Amino acid sequence: MGPGSKVTGEETGKRILGGFFIQFQFTERGAMGETRGVEIVGYDPANKTLFSNEYYDNGTTASGAYVFNGSTVTYLGKFLVGGKPYMVKNTMIFAADWMSFAAKGEISTDGKAWAPSFEGQFMKAKPVPKK
């Protein structure tokens, strides 16, 4: 939670624990310096969603769920930044080949009033190898 700026970064993912979970490791660089983190994503068959838990090197944590509707993915979750809770909702719209997406995020302290938090373009650096 700092000044607005351009942010760049990298993220890699791999299947873990028998393929039931995906572990993402990421690095972001912006006005506040470099941040690193880990996200663990798993599938919730009862709710047919992907759940997520994130951990950052500055003590921030996040948890939420991804909901798929065609090529649109919505993330709803909670962040704990510096001991203060925030609610977030992010919308990602994927290209037809799933190699890139446009995203917009919103943040709230009460779940009623929402403010823009980020906007960006994301793309895979290389295709995933086919097995």
C-alpha atoms as a PDB file:
ATOM      1  CA  MET A   1       0.000   0.000   0.000  1.00  0.00           C
ATOM      2  CA  GLY A   2       2.078   2.853  -1.307  1.00  0.00           C
ATOM      3  CA  PRO A   3       2.279   5.376  -4.096  1.00  0.00           C
ATOM      4  CA  GLY A   4       0.975   4.450  -7.526  1.00  0.00           C
ATOM      5  CA  SER A   5       3.676   3.449  -9.988  1.00  0.00           C
ATOM      6  CA  LYS A   6       4.512   1.111 -12.803  1.00  0.00           C
ATOM      7  CA  VAL A   7       5.229  -2.402 -11.504  1.00  0.00           C
ATOM      8  CA  THR A   8       7.100  -5.132 -13.357  1.00  0.00           C
ATOM      9  CA  GLY A   9       7.796  -8.673 -12.310  1.00  0.00           C
ATOM     10  CA  GLU A  10       8.002 -12.368 -12.968  1.00  0.00           C
ATOM     11  CA  GLU A  11       6.015 -15.352 -11.754  1.00  0.00           C
ATOM     12  CA  THR A  12       6.590 -19.065 -12.137  1.00  0.00           C
ATOM     13  CA  GLY A  13       4.306 -21.902 -11.175  1.00  0.00           C
ATOM     14  CA  LYS A  14       4.644 -25.617 -10.606  1.00  0.00           C
ATOM     15  CA  ARG A  15       2.389 -28.436  -9.497  1.00  0.00           C
ATOM     16  CA  ILE A  16       3.074 -29.723  -5.994  1.00  0.00           C
ATOM     17  CA  LEU A  17       1.764 -32.379  -3.590  1.00  0.00           C
ATOM     18  CA  GLY A  18       0.760 -34.900  -6.218  1.00  0.00           C
ATOM     19  CA  GLY A  19      -0.579 -32.250  -8.596  1.00  0.00           C
ATOM     20  CA  PHE A  20      -3.422 -31.245  -6.276  1.00  0.00           C
ATOM     21  CA  PHE A  21      -1.936 -27.771  -5.703  1.00  0.00           C
ATOM     22  CA  ILE A  22       0.019 -25.185  -7.666  1.00  0.00           C
ATOM     23  CA  GLN A  23       2.789 -23.154  -6.074  1.00  0.00           C
ATOM     24  CA  PHE A  24       3.565 -19.788  -7.639  1.00  0.00           C
ATOM     25  CA  GLN A  25       6.667 -17.795  -6.755  1.00  0.00           C
ATOM     26  CA  PHE A  26       6.780 -14.163  -7.813  1.00  0.00           C
ATOM     27  CA  THR A  27       8.891 -11.033  -7.719  1.00  0.00           C
ATOM     28  CA  GLU A  28       7.491  -7.536  -8.270  1.00  0.00           C
ATOM     29  CA  ARG A  29       9.448  -4.297  -8.649  1.00  0.00           C
ATOM     30  CA  GLY A  30       7.926  -0.822  -8.267  1.00  0.00           C
ATOM     31  CA  ALA A  31       8.224   2.508  -6.453  1.00  0.00           C
ATOM     32  CA  MET A  32       8.444   0.770  -3.073  1.00  0.00           C
ATOM     33  CA  GLY A  33      11.293  -1.509  -4.189  1.00  0.00           C
ATOM     34  CA  GLU A  34      11.252  -5.260  -4.724  1.00  0.00           C
ATOM     35  CA  THR A  35       8.713  -7.629  -3.182  1.00  0.00           C
ATOM     36  CA  ARG A  36       8.812 -11.420  -3.314  1.00  0.00           C
ATOM     37  CA  GLY A  37       6.075 -13.851  -2.486  1.00  0.00           C
ATOM     38  CA  VAL A  38       4.582 -17.314  -2.714  1.00  0.00           C
ATOM     39  CA  GLU A  39       1.001 -18.269  -3.600  1.00  0.00           C
ATOM     40  CA  ILE A  40      -0.484 -21.737  -3.099  1.00  0.00           C
ATOM     41  CA  VAL A  41      -3.614 -22.504  -5.140  1.00  0.00           C
ATOM     42  CA  GLY A  42      -5.847 -25.546  -4.718  1.00  0.00           C
ATOM     43  CA  TYR A  43      -9.222 -26.741  -5.969  1.00  0.00           C
ATOM     44  CA  ASP A  44     -12.357 -26.743  -3.797  1.00  0.00           C
ATOM     45  CA  PRO A  45     -14.692 -29.352  -5.382  1.00  0.00           C
ATOM     46  CA  ALA A  46     -17.641 -28.438  -3.129  1.00  0.00           C
ATOM     47  CA  ASN A  47     -17.690 -24.808  -4.323  1.00  0.00           C
ATOM     48  CA  LYS A  48     -16.060 -25.478  -7.713  1.00  0.00           C
ATOM     49  CA  THR A  49     -13.530 -22.708  -7.118  1.00  0.00           C
ATOM     50  CA  LEU A  50      -9.792 -22.383  -6.789  1.00  0.00           C
ATOM     51  CA  PHE A  51      -8.728 -21.156  -3.357  1.00  0.00           C
ATOM     52  CA  SER A  52      -5.549 -19.192  -2.763  1.00  0.00           C
ATOM     53  CA  ASN A  53      -3.216 -18.308   0.087  1.00  0.00           C
ATOM     54  CA  GLU A  54      -0.406 -15.789  -0.458  1.00  0.00           C
ATOM     55  CA  TYR A  55       2.630 -14.883   1.642  1.00  0.00           C
ATOM     56  CA  TYR A  56       4.893 -11.889   0.994  1.00  0.00           C
ATOM     57  CA  ASP A  57       8.403 -11.101   2.223  1.00  0.00           C
ATOM     58  CA  ASN A  58       7.110  -7.946   3.958  1.00  0.00           C
ATOM     59  CA  GLY A  59       4.687  -9.887   6.198  1.00  0.00           C
ATOM     60  CA  THR A  60       1.590  -9.283   4.061  1.00  0.00           C
ATOM     61  CA  THR A  61      -0.761 -12.253   3.730  1.00  0.00           C
ATOM     62  CA  ALA A  62      -3.784 -12.812   1.516  1.00  0.00           C
ATOM     63  CA  SER A  63      -6.454 -15.443   1.039  1.00  0.00           C
ATOM     64  CA  GLY A  64      -9.301 -15.734  -1.408  1.00  0.00           C
ATOM     65  CA  ALA A  65     -10.865 -17.657  -4.254  1.00  0.00           C
ATOM     66  CA  TYR A  66     -10.793 -17.585  -8.052  1.00  0.00           C
ATOM     67  CA  VAL A  67     -14.089 -18.044  -9.906  1.00  0.00           C
ATOM     68  CA  PHE A  68     -14.047 -18.917 -13.630  1.00  0.00           C
ATOM     69  CA  ASN A  69     -16.706 -17.803 -16.117  1.00  0.00           C
ATOM     70  CA  GLY A  70     -15.451 -18.570 -19.619  1.00  0.00           C
ATOM     71  CA  SER A  71     -12.373 -16.426 -20.258  1.00  0.00           C
ATOM     72  CA  THR A  72     -13.123 -14.137 -17.293  1.00  0.00           C
ATOM     73  CA  VAL A  73     -11.624 -14.983 -13.914  1.00  0.00           C
ATOM     74  CA  THR A  74     -12.618 -13.103 -10.765  1.00  0.00           C
ATOM     75  CA  TYR A  75     -10.587 -13.172  -7.559  1.00  0.00           C
ATOM     76  CA  LEU A  76     -12.293 -12.242  -4.281  1.00  0.00           C
ATOM     77  CA  GLY A  77     -10.166 -12.132  -1.182  1.00  0.00           C
ATOM     78  CA  LYS A  78      -8.749 -10.466   1.893  1.00  0.00           C
ATOM     79  CA  PHE A  79      -5.314  -8.907   2.390  1.00  0.00           C
ATOM     80  CA  LEU A  80      -3.673  -8.195   5.709  1.00  0.00           C
ATOM     81  CA  VAL A  81      -1.167  -5.359   5.174  1.00  0.00           C
ATOM     82  CA  GLY A  82       0.710  -3.986   8.161  1.00  0.00           C
ATOM     83  CA  GLY A  83      -1.906  -5.497  10.464  1.00  0.00           C
ATOM     84  CA  LYS A  84      -4.777  -3.765   8.641  1.00  0.00           C
ATOM     85  CA  PRO A  85      -7.378  -5.873   6.747  1.00  0.00           C
ATOM     86  CA  TYR A  86      -8.514  -5.029   3.213  1.00  0.00           C
ATOM     87  CA  MET A  87     -10.994  -6.714   0.892  1.00  0.00           C
ATOM     88  CA  VAL A  88      -9.984  -7.098  -2.758  1.00  0.00           C
ATOM     89  CA  LYS A  89     -11.681  -8.055  -5.986  1.00  0.00           C
ATOM     90  CA  ASN A  90      -9.738  -8.489  -9.191  1.00  0.00           C
ATOM     91  CA  THR A  91     -11.075  -9.238 -12.644  1.00  0.00           C
ATOM     92  CA  MET A  92      -8.889 -10.897 -15.288  1.00  0.00           C
ATOM     93  CA  ILE A  93     -10.007 -11.242 -18.901  1.00  0.00           C
ATOM     94  CA  PHE A  94      -7.910 -13.772 -20.816  1.00  0.00           C
ATOM     95  CA  ALA A  95      -7.113 -13.768 -24.520  1.00  0.00           C
ATOM     96  CA  ALA A  96      -8.512 -16.651 -26.575  1.00  0.00           C
ATOM     97  CA  ASP A  97      -5.146 -18.494 -26.440  1.00  0.00           C
ATOM     98  CA  TRP A  98      -4.831 -17.974 -22.633  1.00  0.00           C
ATOM     99  CA  MET A  99      -1.311 -16.560 -23.193  1.00  0.00           C
ATOM    100  CA  SER A 100      -2.182 -13.096 -21.838  1.00  0.00           C
ATOM    101  CA  PHE A 101      -4.804 -11.227 -19.856  1.00  0.00           C
ATOM    102  CA  ALA A 102      -5.898  -7.734 -18.878  1.00  0.00           C
ATOM    103  CA  ALA A 103      -6.652  -7.187 -15.184  1.00  0.00           C
ATOM    104  CA  LYS A 104      -8.241  -4.576 -12.966  1.00  0.00           C
ATOM    105  CA  GLY A 105      -8.344  -4.610  -9.192  1.00  0.00           C
ATOM    106  CA  GLU A 106     -10.401  -2.901  -6.537  1.00  0.00           C
ATOM    107  CA  ILE A 107      -9.854  -2.560  -2.787  1.00  0.00           C
ATOM    108  CA  SER A 108     -12.125  -1.821   0.169  1.00  0.00           C
ATOM    109  CA  THR A 109     -11.850  -1.444   3.923  1.00  0.00           C
ATOM    110  CA  ASP A 110     -15.549  -2.149   4.564  1.00  0.00           C
ATOM    111  CA  GLY A 111     -16.830  -4.165   1.572  1.00  0.00           C
ATOM    112  CA  LYS A 112     -19.195  -1.322   0.613  1.00  0.00           C
ATOM    113  CA  ALA A 113     -17.019   1.445  -0.821  1.00  0.00           C
ATOM    114  CA  TRP A 114     -14.543   0.196  -3.450  1.00  0.00           C
ATOM    115  CA  ALA A 115     -11.608   2.082  -4.974  1.00  0.00           C
ATOM    116  CA  PRO A 116      -9.364   1.162  -7.920  1.00  0.00           C
ATOM    117  CA  SER A 117      -6.143  -0.526  -6.799  1.00  0.00           C
ATOM    118  CA  PHE A 118      -4.384  -1.565 -10.024  1.00  0.00           C
ATOM    119  CA  GLU A 119      -4.731  -2.057 -13.750  1.00  0.00           C
ATOM    120  CA  GLY A 120      -2.382  -4.090 -15.883  1.00  0.00           C
ATOM    121  CA  GLN A 121      -1.475  -6.339 -18.771  1.00  0.00           C
ATOM    122  CA  PHE A 122       0.077  -9.741 -18.137  1.00  0.00           C
ATOM    123  CA  MET A 123       1.601 -12.248 -20.564  1.00  0.00           C
ATOM    124  CA  LYS A 124       3.327 -15.605 -20.514  1.00  0.00           C
ATOM    125  CA  ALA A 125       6.987 -15.407 -21.384  1.00  0.00           C
ATOM    126  CA  LYS A 126       6.860 -18.777 -23.122  1.00  0.00           C
ATOM    127  CA  PRO A 127       4.230 -21.460 -23.766  1.00  0.00           C
ATOM    128  CA  VAL A 128       3.811 -24.293 -21.329  1.00  0.00           C
ATOM    129  CA  PRO A 129       5.383 -27.498 -22.728  1.00  0.00           C
ATOM    130  CA  LYS A 130       2.811 -30.066 -23.837  1.00  0.00           C
ATOM    131  CA  LYS A 131       3.113 -33.522 -22.293  1.00  0.00           C
END
